[in-house]
């Protein structure tokens, strides 16, 4: 049986979030990135098969922290050796969707992950 962790791309502690606009604070954003990397490493070392992140829902006001799930997935995969990064949703504007579909049709899109 394979286990996958799941996490929200969240910034700040409760008191920091209650002050408002925590997503605009670069110190909190960097801390969030450091913690996400540490969590991904921990999951990898503990033997989890993967870790999942949502596209952009359930985020705080001030900044959509996971607005590019591909970029966040790449960041999460950098400190790991074998952890699969699962993306739950990939919302694109219509123009980007057409470009994404065209690049995929030409074989230039995302590469499938080996099981």
PDB file of N, CA and C in Angstrom:
ATOM      1  N   UNK A   1       0.833  -1.153   0.000  1.00  0.00           N
ATOM      2  CA  UNK A   1       0.000   0.000   0.000  1.00  0.00           C
ATOM      3  C   UNK A   1       0.894   1.239   0.000  1.00  0.00           C
ATOM      4  N   UNK A   2       0.542   2.212  -0.831  1.00  0.00           N
ATOM      5  CA  UNK A   2       1.304   3.467  -0.915  1.00  0.00           C
ATOM      6  C   UNK A   2       0.515   4.586  -0.235  1.00  0.00           C
ATOM      7  N   UNK A   3       1.217   5.389   0.511  1.00  0.00           N
ATOM      8  CA  UNK A   3       0.580   6.511   1.193  1.00  0.00           C
ATOM      9  C   UNK A   3       1.085   7.820   0.603  1.00  0.00           C
ATOM     10  N   UNK A   4       0.167   8.765   0.483  1.00  0.00           N
ATOM     11  CA  UNK A   4       0.488  10.104  -0.013  1.00  0.00           C
ATOM     12  C   UNK A   4       0.042  11.119   1.031  1.00  0.00           C
ATOM     13  N   UNK A   5       0.867  12.093   1.277  1.00  0.00           N
ATOM     14  CA  UNK A   5       0.502  13.201   2.168  1.00  0.00           C
ATOM     15  C   UNK A   5      -0.228  14.265   1.339  1.00  0.00           C
ATOM     16  N   UNK A   6      -0.905  15.178   1.996  1.00  0.00           N
ATOM     17  CA  UNK A   6      -1.582  16.281   1.322  1.00  0.00           C
ATOM     18  C   UNK A   6      -1.382  17.525   2.169  1.00  0.00           C
ATOM     19  N   UNK A   7      -1.124  18.637   1.520  1.00  0.00           N
ATOM     20  CA  UNK A   7      -0.959  19.882   2.268  1.00  0.00           C
ATOM     21  C   UNK A   7      -1.495  21.064   1.467  1.00  0.00           C
ATOM     22  N   UNK A   8      -1.930  22.079   2.174  1.00  0.00           N
ATOM     23  CA  UNK A   8      -2.325  23.332   1.542  1.00  0.00           C
ATOM     24  C   UNK A   8      -1.109  24.244   1.506  1.00  0.00           C
ATOM     25  N   UNK A   9      -0.998  25.010   0.470  1.00  0.00           N
ATOM     26  CA  UNK A   9       0.086  25.987   0.360  1.00  0.00           C
ATOM     27  C   UNK A   9      -0.386  27.200   1.166  1.00  0.00           C
ATOM     28  N   UNK A  10      -0.026  27.206   2.447  1.00  0.00           N
ATOM     29  CA  UNK A  10      -0.541  28.203   3.387  1.00  0.00           C
ATOM     30  C   UNK A  10       0.610  28.998   3.979  1.00  0.00           C
ATOM     31  N   UNK A  11       0.345  30.244   4.254  1.00  0.00           N
ATOM     32  CA  UNK A  11       1.365  31.119   4.821  1.00  0.00           C
ATOM     33  C   UNK A  11       0.870  31.641   6.167  1.00  0.00           C
ATOM     34  N   UNK A  12       1.753  31.713   7.131  1.00  0.00           N
ATOM     35  CA  UNK A  12       1.438  32.361   8.397  1.00  0.00           C
ATOM     36  C   UNK A  12       0.781  31.472   9.425  1.00  0.00           C
ATOM     37  N   UNK A  13       0.933  31.874  10.658  1.00  0.00           N
ATOM     38  CA  UNK A  13       0.263  31.248  11.788  1.00  0.00           C
ATOM     39  C   UNK A  13      -1.056  31.979  11.990  1.00  0.00           C
ATOM     40  N   UNK A  14      -1.902  31.449  12.820  1.00  0.00           N
ATOM     41  CA  UNK A  14      -3.240  32.033  12.987  1.00  0.00           C
ATOM     42  C   UNK A  14      -3.181  33.520  13.329  1.00  0.00           C
ATOM     43  N   UNK A  15      -2.358  33.884  14.288  1.00  0.00           N
ATOM     44  CA  UNK A  15      -2.297  35.311  14.680  1.00  0.00           C
ATOM     45  C   UNK A  15      -1.793  36.178  13.528  1.00  0.00           C
ATOM     46  N   UNK A  16      -0.886  35.637  12.702  1.00  0.00           N
ATOM     47  CA  UNK A  16      -0.365  36.389  11.556  1.00  0.00           C
ATOM     48  C   UNK A  16      -1.445  36.544  10.482  1.00  0.00           C
ATOM     49  N   UNK A  17      -2.217  35.487  10.279  1.00  0.00           N
ATOM     50  CA  UNK A  17      -3.300  35.544   9.286  1.00  0.00           C
ATOM     51  C   UNK A  17      -4.404  36.507   9.721  1.00  0.00           C
ATOM     52  N   UNK A  18      -4.684  36.534  11.018  1.00  0.00           N
ATOM     53  CA  UNK A  18      -5.746  37.402  11.527  1.00  0.00           C
ATOM     54  C   UNK A  18      -5.393  38.882  11.397  1.00  0.00           C
ATOM     55  N   UNK A  19      -4.122  39.213  11.255  1.00  0.00           N
ATOM     56  CA  UNK A  19      -3.711  40.600  11.053  1.00  0.00           C
ATOM     57  C   UNK A  19      -4.032  41.068   9.637  1.00  0.00           C
ATOM     58  N   UNK A  20      -4.230  40.134   8.717  1.00  0.00           N
ATOM     59  CA  UNK A  20      -4.602  40.469   7.348  1.00  0.00           C
ATOM     60  C   UNK A  20      -3.411  40.637   6.419  1.00  0.00           C
ATOM     61  N   UNK A  21      -3.620  40.303   5.170  1.00  0.00           N
ATOM     62  CA  UNK A  21      -2.648  40.461   4.084  1.00  0.00           C
ATOM     63  C   UNK A  21      -1.301  39.796   4.366  1.00  0.00           C
ATOM     64  N   UNK A  22      -1.332  38.644   5.029  1.00  0.00           N
ATOM     65  CA  UNK A  22      -0.092  37.935   5.347  1.00  0.00           C
ATOM     66  C   UNK A  22       0.660  37.520   4.084  1.00  0.00           C
ATOM     67  N   UNK A  23      -0.060  37.294   2.993  1.00  0.00           N
ATOM     68  CA  UNK A  23       0.572  36.881   1.752  1.00  0.00           C
ATOM     69  C   UNK A  23       1.465  37.935   1.128  1.00  0.00           C
ATOM     70  N   UNK A  24       1.366  39.167   1.574  1.00  0.00           N
ATOM     71  CA  UNK A  24       2.219  40.235   1.050  1.00  0.00           C
ATOM     72  C   UNK A  24       3.517  40.392   1.844  1.00  0.00           C
ATOM     73  N   UNK A  25       3.686  39.590   2.883  1.00  0.00           N
ATOM     74  CA  UNK A  25       4.863  39.694   3.743  1.00  0.00           C
ATOM     75  C   UNK A  25       5.954  38.748   3.238  1.00  0.00           C
ATOM     76  N   UNK A  26       7.072  39.277   2.706  1.00  0.00           N
ATOM     77  CA  UNK A  26       8.108  38.400   2.144  1.00  0.00           C
ATOM     78  C   UNK A  26       8.765  37.483   3.180  1.00  0.00           C
ATOM     79  N   UNK A  27       8.818  37.894   4.431  1.00  0.00           N
ATOM     80  CA  UNK A  27       9.399  37.044   5.480  1.00  0.00           C
ATOM     81  C   UNK A  27       8.519  35.812   5.692  1.00  0.00           C
ATOM     82  N   UNK A  28       7.207  36.021   5.746  1.00  0.00           N
ATOM     83  CA  UNK A  28       6.286  34.895   5.915  1.00  0.00           C
ATOM     84  C   UNK A  28       6.308  33.991   4.689  1.00  0.00           C
ATOM     85  N   UNK A  29       6.413  34.584   3.503  1.00  0.00           N
ATOM     86  CA  UNK A  29       6.433  33.791   2.274  1.00  0.00           C
ATOM     87  C   UNK A  29       7.678  32.899   2.228  1.00  0.00           C
ATOM     88  N   UNK A  30       8.831  33.429   2.577  1.00  0.00           N
ATOM     89  CA  UNK A  30      10.054  32.633   2.580  1.00  0.00           C
ATOM     90  C   UNK A  30       9.983  31.536   3.621  1.00  0.00           C
ATOM     91  N   UNK A  31       9.438  31.852   4.781  1.00  0.00           N
ATOM     92  CA  UNK A  31       9.285  30.827   5.825  1.00  0.00           C
ATOM     93  C   UNK A  31       8.379  29.707   5.321  1.00  0.00           C
ATOM     94  N   UNK A  32       7.289  30.083   4.616  1.00  0.00           N
ATOM     95  CA  UNK A  32       6.385  29.087   4.064  1.00  0.00           C
ATOM     96  C   UNK A  32       7.132  28.173   3.088  1.00  0.00           C
ATOM     97  N   UNK A  33       7.935  28.751   2.194  1.00  0.00           N
ATOM     98  CA  UNK A  33       8.690  27.939   1.242  1.00  0.00           C
ATOM     99  C   UNK A  33       9.654  26.987   1.966  1.00  0.00           C
ATOM    100  N   UNK A  34      10.337  27.495   2.990  1.00  0.00           N
ATOM    101  CA  UNK A  34      11.255  26.658   3.761  1.00  0.00           C
ATOM    102  C   UNK A  34      10.514  25.495   4.413  1.00  0.00           C
ATOM    103  N   UNK A  35       9.339  25.772   4.976  1.00  0.00           N
ATOM    104  CA  UNK A  35       8.562  24.732   5.644  1.00  0.00           C
ATOM    105  C   UNK A  35       8.011  23.714   4.647  1.00  0.00           C
ATOM    106  N   UNK A  36       7.605  24.164   3.472  1.00  0.00           N
ATOM    107  CA  UNK A  36       7.106  23.245   2.449  1.00  0.00           C
ATOM    108  C   UNK A  36       8.228  22.305   2.008  1.00  0.00           C
ATOM    109  N   UNK A  37       9.423  22.852   1.790  1.00  0.00           N
ATOM    110  CA  UNK A  37      10.563  22.020   1.421  1.00  0.00           C
ATOM    111  C   UNK A  37      10.898  21.005   2.505  1.00  0.00           C
ATOM    112  N   UNK A  38      10.852  21.432   3.768  1.00  0.00           N
ATOM    113  CA  UNK A  38      11.148  20.533   4.886  1.00  0.00           C
ATOM    114  C   UNK A  38      10.088  19.428   4.988  1.00  0.00           C
ATOM    115  N   UNK A  39       8.832  19.781   4.763  1.00  0.00           N
ATOM    116  CA  UNK A  39       7.751  18.797   4.819  1.00  0.00           C
ATOM    117  C   UNK A  39       7.897  17.773   3.696  1.00  0.00           C
ATOM    118  N   UNK A  40       8.235  18.227   2.501  1.00  0.00           N
ATOM    119  CA  UNK A  40       8.432  17.318   1.373  1.00  0.00           C
ATOM    120  C   UNK A  40       9.610  16.376   1.657  1.00  0.00           C
ATOM    121  N   UNK A  41      10.708  16.910   2.196  1.00  0.00           N
ATOM    122  CA  UNK A  41      11.862  16.069   2.552  1.00  0.00           C
ATOM    123  C   UNK A  41      11.479  15.023   3.603  1.00  0.00           C
ATOM    124  N   UNK A  42      10.717  15.460   4.612  1.00  0.00           N
ATOM    125  CA  UNK A  42      10.289  14.544   5.669  1.00  0.00           C
ATOM    126  C   UNK A  42       9.438  13.415   5.088  1.00  0.00           C
ATOM    127  N   UNK A  43       8.503  13.756   4.207  1.00  0.00           N
ATOM    128  CA  UNK A  43       7.658  12.734   3.575  1.00  0.00           C
ATOM    129  C   UNK A  43       8.501  11.768   2.761  1.00  0.00           C
ATOM    130  N   UNK A  44       9.469  12.287   2.038  1.00  0.00           N
ATOM    131  CA  UNK A  44      10.353  11.455   1.228  1.00  0.00           C
ATOM    132  C   UNK A  44      11.154  10.499   2.109  1.00  0.00           C
ATOM    133  N   UNK A  45      11.743  11.023   3.169  1.00  0.00           N
ATOM    134  CA  UNK A  45      12.564  10.210   4.069  1.00  0.00           C
ATOM    135  C   UNK A  45      11.731   9.195   4.843  1.00  0.00           C
ATOM    136  N   UNK A  46      10.468   9.516   5.101  1.00  0.00           N
ATOM    137  CA  UNK A  46       9.581   8.611   5.848  1.00  0.00           C
ATOM    138  C   UNK A  46       8.995   7.514   4.963  1.00  0.00           C
ATOM    139  N   UNK A  47       9.233   7.594   3.662  1.00  0.00           N
ATOM    140  CA  UNK A  47       8.775   6.540   2.772  1.00  0.00           C
ATOM    141  C   UNK A  47       7.428   6.770   2.109  1.00  0.00           C
ATOM    142  N   UNK A  48       6.889   7.981   2.222  1.00  0.00           N
ATOM    143  CA  UNK A  48       5.637   8.272   1.527  1.00  0.00           C
ATOM    144  C   UNK A  48       5.862   8.154   0.017  1.00  0.00           C
ATOM    145  N   UNK A  49       4.820   7.743  -0.693  1.00  0.00           N
ATOM    146  CA  UNK A  49       4.921   7.621  -2.149  1.00  0.00           C
ATOM    147  C   UNK A  49       4.816   8.988  -2.818  1.00  0.00           C
ATOM    148  N   UNK A  50       4.110   9.922  -2.189  1.00  0.00           N
ATOM    149  CA  UNK A  50       3.927  11.232  -2.801  1.00  0.00           C
ATOM    150  C   UNK A  50       3.362  12.242  -1.833  1.00  0.00           C
ATOM    151  N   UNK A  51       3.218  13.442  -2.330  1.00  0.00           N
ATOM    152  CA  UNK A  51       2.614  14.536  -1.568  1.00  0.00           C
ATOM    153  C   UNK A  51       1.775  15.348  -2.546  1.00  0.00           C
ATOM    154  N   UNK A  52       0.598  15.762  -2.102  1.00  0.00           N
ATOM    155  CA  UNK A  52      -0.297  16.489  -2.991  1.00  0.00           C
ATOM    156  C   UNK A  52      -0.558  17.907  -2.519  1.00  0.00           C
ATOM    157  N   UNK A  53      -0.809  18.775  -3.483  1.00  0.00           N
ATOM    158  CA  UNK A  53      -1.151  20.169  -3.202  1.00  0.00           C
ATOM    159  C   UNK A  53      -2.338  20.569  -4.068  1.00  0.00           C
ATOM    160  N   UNK A  54      -3.226  21.454  -3.543  1.00  0.00           N
ATOM    161  CA  UNK A  54      -4.325  21.939  -4.375  1.00  0.00           C
ATOM    162  C   UNK A  54      -3.827  23.037  -5.310  1.00  0.00           C
ATOM    163  N   UNK A  55      -4.626  23.362  -6.304  1.00  0.00           N
ATOM    164  CA  UNK A  55      -4.218  24.378  -7.276  1.00  0.00           C
ATOM    165  C   UNK A  55      -4.147  25.763  -6.642  1.00  0.00           C
ATOM    166  N   UNK A  56      -5.242  26.264  -6.125  1.00  0.00           N
ATOM    167  CA  UNK A  56      -5.183  27.598  -5.530  1.00  0.00           C
ATOM    168  C   UNK A  56      -6.301  27.855  -4.528  1.00  0.00           C
ATOM    169  N   UNK A  57      -7.103  26.888  -4.258  1.00  0.00           N
ATOM    170  CA  UNK A  57      -8.234  27.099  -3.353  1.00  0.00           C
ATOM    171  C   UNK A  57      -7.784  27.061  -1.898  1.00  0.00           C
ATOM    172  N   UNK A  58      -8.609  27.610  -1.028  1.00  0.00           N
ATOM    173  CA  UNK A  58      -8.365  27.653   0.407  1.00  0.00           C
ATOM    174  C   UNK A  58      -7.103  28.421   0.767  1.00  0.00           C
ATOM    175  N   UNK A  59      -6.807  29.450   0.016  1.00  0.00           N
ATOM    176  CA  UNK A  59      -5.649  30.289   0.282  1.00  0.00           C
ATOM    177  C   UNK A  59      -6.118  31.555   1.006  1.00  0.00           C
ATOM    178  N   UNK A  60      -5.188  32.214   1.649  1.00  0.00           N
ATOM    179  CA  UNK A  60      -5.554  33.425   2.381  1.00  0.00           C
ATOM    180  C   UNK A  60      -5.575  34.612   1.430  1.00  0.00           C
ATOM    181  N   UNK A  61      -6.166  35.687   1.891  1.00  0.00           N
ATOM    182  CA  UNK A  61      -6.192  36.902   1.083  1.00  0.00           C
ATOM    183  C   UNK A  61      -4.807  37.519   1.031  1.00  0.00           C
ATOM    184  N   UNK A  62      -4.559  38.275   0.016  1.00  0.00           N
ATOM    185  CA  UNK A  62      -3.279  38.968  -0.084  1.00  0.00           C
ATOM    186  C   UNK A  62      -2.411  38.445  -1.200  1.00  0.00           C
ATOM    187  N   UNK A  63      -2.459  37.162  -1.465  1.00  0.00           N
ATOM    188  CA  UNK A  63      -1.612  36.613  -2.525  1.00  0.00           C
ATOM    189  C   UNK A  63      -2.003  35.170  -2.747  1.00  0.00           C
ATOM    190  N   UNK A  64      -2.218  34.792  -3.986  1.00  0.00           N
ATOM    191  CA  UNK A  64      -2.512  33.394  -4.309  1.00  0.00           C
ATOM    192  C   UNK A  64      -1.193  32.641  -4.326  1.00  0.00           C
ATOM    193  N   UNK A  65      -0.887  31.956  -3.263  1.00  0.00           N
ATOM    194  CA  UNK A  65       0.425  31.347  -3.069  1.00  0.00           C
ATOM    195  C   UNK A  65       0.690  30.185  -4.012  1.00  0.00           C
ATOM    196  N   UNK A  66      -0.344  29.487  -4.416  1.00  0.00           N
ATOM    197  CA  UNK A  66      -0.150  28.350  -5.289  1.00  0.00           C
ATOM    198  C   UNK A  66      -0.706  28.616  -6.670  1.00  0.00           C
ATOM    199  N   UNK A  67      -0.561  29.829  -7.162  1.00  0.00           N
ATOM    200  CA  UNK A  67      -1.170  30.190  -8.443  1.00  0.00           C
ATOM    201  C   UNK A  67      -0.575  29.430  -9.610  1.00  0.00           C
ATOM    202  N   UNK A  68       0.602  28.899  -9.477  1.00  0.00           N
ATOM    203  CA  UNK A  68       1.211  28.079 -10.522  1.00  0.00           C
ATOM    204  C   UNK A  68       1.599  26.744  -9.905  1.00  0.00           C
ATOM    205  N   UNK A  69       0.693  25.770  -9.969  1.00  0.00           N
ATOM    206  CA  UNK A  69       0.984  24.503  -9.308  1.00  0.00           C
ATOM    207  C   UNK A  69       2.192  23.775  -9.893  1.00  0.00           C
ATOM    208  N   UNK A  70       2.491  23.996 -11.162  1.00  0.00           N
ATOM    209  CA  UNK A  70       3.672  23.373 -11.751  1.00  0.00           C
ATOM    210  C   UNK A  70       4.941  23.892 -11.121  1.00  0.00           C
ATOM    211  N   UNK A  71       4.995  25.197 -10.900  1.00  0.00           N
ATOM    212  CA  UNK A  71       6.171  25.800 -10.272  1.00  0.00           C
ATOM    213  C   UNK A  71       6.300  25.357  -8.816  1.00  0.00           C
ATOM    214  N   UNK A  72       5.175  25.322  -8.095  1.00  0.00           N
ATOM    215  CA  UNK A  72       5.213  24.882  -6.701  1.00  0.00           C
ATOM    216  C   UNK A  72       5.592  23.403  -6.616  1.00  0.00           C
ATOM    217  N   UNK A  73       5.096  22.588  -7.542  1.00  0.00           N
ATOM    218  CA  UNK A  73       5.451  21.169  -7.554  1.00  0.00           C
ATOM    219  C   UNK A  73       6.947  20.991  -7.818  1.00  0.00           C
ATOM    220  N   UNK A  74       7.490  21.789  -8.725  1.00  0.00           N
ATOM    221  CA  UNK A  74       8.915  21.716  -9.003  1.00  0.00           C
ATOM    222  C   UNK A  74       9.718  22.073  -7.749  1.00  0.00           C
ATOM    223  N   UNK A  75       9.292  23.124  -7.058  1.00  0.00           N
ATOM    224  CA  UNK A  75       9.978  23.537  -5.839  1.00  0.00           C
ATOM    225  C   UNK A  75       9.920  22.432  -4.789  1.00  0.00           C
ATOM    226  N   UNK A  76       8.748  21.793  -4.648  1.00  0.00           N
ATOM    227  CA  UNK A  76       8.597  20.742  -3.650  1.00  0.00           C
ATOM    228  C   UNK A  76       9.411  19.500  -4.011  1.00  0.00           C
ATOM    229  N   UNK A  77       9.604  19.248  -5.278  1.00  0.00           N
ATOM    230  CA  UNK A  77      10.349  18.076  -5.698  1.00  0.00           C
ATOM    231  C   UNK A  77      11.857  18.246  -5.612  1.00  0.00           C
ATOM    232  N   UNK A  78      12.329  19.481  -5.587  1.00  0.00           N
ATOM    233  CA  UNK A  78      13.780  19.725  -5.592  1.00  0.00           C
ATOM    234  C   UNK A  78      14.511  19.093  -4.402  1.00  0.00           C
ATOM    235  N   UNK A  79      13.999  19.169  -3.163  1.00  0.00           N
ATOM    236  CA  UNK A  79      14.754  18.594  -2.048  1.00  0.00           C
ATOM    237  C   UNK A  79      14.507  17.099  -1.834  1.00  0.00           C
ATOM    238  N   UNK A  80      13.750  16.452  -2.728  1.00  0.00           N
ATOM    239  CA  UNK A  80      13.418  15.040  -2.537  1.00  0.00           C
ATOM    240  C   UNK A  80      14.138  14.170  -3.564  1.00  0.00           C
ATOM    241  N   UNK A  81      14.135  12.873  -3.302  1.00  0.00           N
ATOM    242  CA  UNK A  81      14.808  11.940  -4.207  1.00  0.00           C
ATOM    243  C   UNK A  81      13.834  11.115  -5.026  1.00  0.00           C
ATOM    244  N   UNK A  82      12.690  10.720  -4.463  1.00  0.00           N
ATOM    245  CA  UNK A  82      11.788   9.833  -5.163  1.00  0.00           C
ATOM    246  C   UNK A  82      10.306  10.178  -4.961  1.00  0.00           C
ATOM    247  N   UNK A  83      10.024  11.223  -4.259  1.00  0.00           N
ATOM    248  CA  UNK A  83       8.650  11.585  -3.918  1.00  0.00           C
ATOM    249  C   UNK A  83       7.892  12.071  -5.147  1.00  0.00           C
ATOM    250  N   UNK A  84       6.701  11.530  -5.359  1.00  0.00           N
ATOM    251  CA  UNK A  84       5.844  11.989  -6.454  1.00  0.00           C
ATOM    252  C   UNK A  84       5.044  13.194  -5.970  1.00  0.00           C
ATOM    253  N   UNK A  85       4.968  14.223  -6.791  1.00  0.00           N
ATOM    254  CA  UNK A  85       4.203  15.418  -6.448  1.00  0.00           C
ATOM    255  C   UNK A  85       2.867  15.337  -7.181  1.00  0.00           C
ATOM    256  N   UNK A  86       1.782  15.331  -6.421  1.00  0.00           N
ATOM    257  CA  UNK A  86       0.435  15.233  -6.979  1.00  0.00           C
ATOM    258  C   UNK A  86      -0.202  16.621  -7.002  1.00  0.00           C
ATOM    259  N   UNK A  87      -0.728  17.007  -8.125  1.00  0.00           N
ATOM    260  CA  UNK A  87      -1.410  18.298  -8.239  1.00  0.00           C
ATOM    261  C   UNK A  87      -2.900  18.040  -8.363  1.00  0.00           C
ATOM    262  N   UNK A  88      -3.674  18.685  -7.508  1.00  0.00           N
ATOM    263  CA  UNK A  88      -5.114  18.525  -7.520  1.00  0.00           C
ATOM    264  C   UNK A  88      -5.736  19.764  -8.138  1.00  0.00           C
ATOM    265  N   UNK A  89      -5.806  19.764  -9.440  1.00  0.00           N
ATOM    266  CA  UNK A  89      -6.385  20.878 -10.183  1.00  0.00           C
ATOM    267  C   UNK A  89      -5.313  21.726 -10.825  1.00  0.00           C
ATOM    268  N   UNK A  90      -5.645  22.241 -11.978  1.00  0.00           N
ATOM    269  CA  UNK A  90      -4.723  23.106 -12.707  1.00  0.00           C
ATOM    270  C   UNK A  90      -5.586  24.070 -13.511  1.00  0.00           C
ATOM    271  N   UNK A  91      -5.978  25.159 -12.892  1.00  0.00           N
ATOM    272  CA  UNK A  91      -6.885  26.110 -13.517  1.00  0.00           C
ATOM    273  C   UNK A  91      -6.080  27.076 -14.380  1.00  0.00           C
ATOM    274  N   UNK A  92      -6.454  27.179 -15.648  1.00  0.00           N
ATOM    275  CA  UNK A  92      -5.770  28.069 -16.580  1.00  0.00           C
ATOM    276  C   UNK A  92      -6.771  29.006 -17.231  1.00  0.00           C
ATOM    277  N   UNK A  93      -6.362  30.229 -17.565  1.00  0.00           N
ATOM    278  CA  UNK A  93      -7.221  31.091 -18.370  1.00  0.00           C
ATOM    279  C   UNK A  93      -7.402  30.456 -19.750  1.00  0.00           C
ATOM    280  N   UNK A  94      -8.440  30.830 -20.449  1.00  0.00           N
ATOM    281  CA  UNK A  94      -8.753  30.181 -21.722  1.00  0.00           C
ATOM    282  C   UNK A  94      -7.599  30.277 -22.726  1.00  0.00           C
ATOM    283  N   UNK A  95      -6.914  31.405 -22.815  1.00  0.00           N
ATOM    284  CA  UNK A  95      -5.791  31.535 -23.746  1.00  0.00           C
ATOM    285  C   UNK A  95      -4.661  30.586 -23.390  1.00  0.00           C
ATOM    286  N   UNK A  96      -4.361  30.476 -22.094  1.00  0.00           N
ATOM    287  CA  UNK A  96      -3.314  29.562 -21.652  1.00  0.00           C
ATOM    288  C   UNK A  96      -3.734  28.120 -21.896  1.00  0.00           C
ATOM    289  N   UNK A  97      -5.011  27.829 -21.738  1.00  0.00           N
ATOM    290  CA  UNK A  97      -5.505  26.475 -21.972  1.00  0.00           C
ATOM    291  C   UNK A  97      -5.278  26.058 -23.420  1.00  0.00           C
ATOM    292  N   UNK A  98      -5.583  26.948 -24.346  1.00  0.00           N
ATOM    293  CA  UNK A  98      -5.378  26.638 -25.758  1.00  0.00           C
ATOM    294  C   UNK A  98      -3.899  26.395 -26.033  1.00  0.00           C
ATOM    295  N   UNK A  99      -3.024  27.248 -25.497  1.00  0.00           N
ATOM    296  CA  UNK A  99      -1.586  27.041 -25.683  1.00  0.00           C
ATOM    297  C   UNK A  99      -1.136  25.719 -25.070  1.00  0.00           C
ATOM    298  N   UNK A 100      -1.658  25.397 -23.880  1.00  0.00           N
ATOM    299  CA  UNK A 100      -1.290  24.145 -23.209  1.00  0.00           C
ATOM    300  C   UNK A 100      -1.742  22.941 -24.026  1.00  0.00           C
ATOM    301  N   UNK A 101      -2.946  22.996 -24.542  1.00  0.00           N
ATOM    302  CA  UNK A 101      -3.448  21.888 -25.354  1.00  0.00           C
ATOM    303  C   UNK A 101      -2.639  21.730 -26.636  1.00  0.00           C
ATOM    304  N   UNK A 102      -2.303  22.845 -27.264  1.00  0.00           N
ATOM    305  CA  UNK A 102      -1.510  22.778 -28.497  1.00  0.00           C
ATOM    306  C   UNK A 102      -0.129  22.202 -28.227  1.00  0.00           C
ATOM    307  N   UNK A 103       0.521  22.639 -27.158  1.00  0.00           N
ATOM    308  CA  UNK A 103       1.863  22.127 -26.869  1.00  0.00           C
ATOM    309  C   UNK A 103       1.798  20.640 -26.527  1.00  0.00           C
ATOM    310  N   UNK A 104       0.749  20.226 -25.826  1.00  0.00           N
ATOM    311  CA  UNK A 104       0.584  18.809 -25.511  1.00  0.00           C
ATOM    312  C   UNK A 104       0.351  17.985 -26.761  1.00  0.00           C
ATOM    313  N   UNK A 105      -0.392  18.535 -27.705  1.00  0.00           N
ATOM    314  CA  UNK A 105      -0.665  17.812 -28.945  1.00  0.00           C
ATOM    315  C   UNK A 105       0.606  17.631 -29.766  1.00  0.00           C
ATOM    316  N   UNK A 106       1.552  18.541 -29.618  1.00  0.00           N
ATOM    317  CA  UNK A 106       2.821  18.435 -30.344  1.00  0.00           C
ATOM    318  C   UNK A 106       3.868  17.676 -29.543  1.00  0.00           C
ATOM    319  N   UNK A 107       3.477  17.187 -28.372  1.00  0.00           N
ATOM    320  CA  UNK A 107       4.439  16.448 -27.551  1.00  0.00           C
ATOM    321  C   UNK A 107       5.370  17.340 -26.767  1.00  0.00           C
ATOM    322  N   UNK A 108       5.031  18.631 -26.658  1.00  0.00           N
ATOM    323  CA  UNK A 108       5.887  19.561 -25.915  1.00  0.00           C
ATOM    324  C   UNK A 108       5.352  19.835 -24.516  1.00  0.00           C
ATOM    325  N   UNK A 109       4.247  19.196 -24.159  1.00  0.00           N
ATOM    326  CA  UNK A 109       3.613  19.456 -22.869  1.00  0.00           C
ATOM    327  C   UNK A 109       4.305  18.739 -21.726  1.00  0.00           C
ATOM    328  N   UNK A 110       3.549  18.517 -20.689  1.00  0.00           N
ATOM    329  CA  UNK A 110       4.097  17.890 -19.489  1.00  0.00           C
ATOM    330  C   UNK A 110       4.433  16.430 -19.751  1.00  0.00           C
ATOM    331  N   UNK A 111       5.501  16.004 -19.187  1.00  0.00           N
ATOM    332  CA  UNK A 111       5.976  14.638 -19.323  1.00  0.00           C
ATOM    333  C   UNK A 111       5.282  13.775 -18.277  1.00  0.00           C
ATOM    334  N   UNK A 112       4.775  12.586 -18.615  1.00  0.00           N
ATOM    335  CA  UNK A 112       4.144  11.732 -17.611  1.00  0.00           C
ATOM    336  C   UNK A 112       5.179  11.224 -16.605  1.00  0.00           C
ATOM    337  N   UNK A 113       4.733  11.027 -15.386  1.00  0.00           N
ATOM    338  CA  UNK A 113       5.605  10.541 -14.315  1.00  0.00           C
ATOM    339  C   UNK A 113       5.616   9.021 -14.340  1.00  0.00           C
ATOM    340  N   UNK A 114       6.770   8.446 -14.233  1.00  0.00           N
ATOM    341  CA  UNK A 114       6.882   6.990 -14.183  1.00  0.00           C
ATOM    342  C   UNK A 114       6.302   6.482 -12.874  1.00  0.00           C
ATOM    343  N   UNK A 115       5.553   5.371 -12.894  1.00  0.00           N
ATOM    344  CA  UNK A 115       4.951   4.849 -11.640  1.00  0.00           C
ATOM    345  C   UNK A 115       5.998   4.310 -10.687  1.00  0.00           C
TER     346      UNK A 115
END
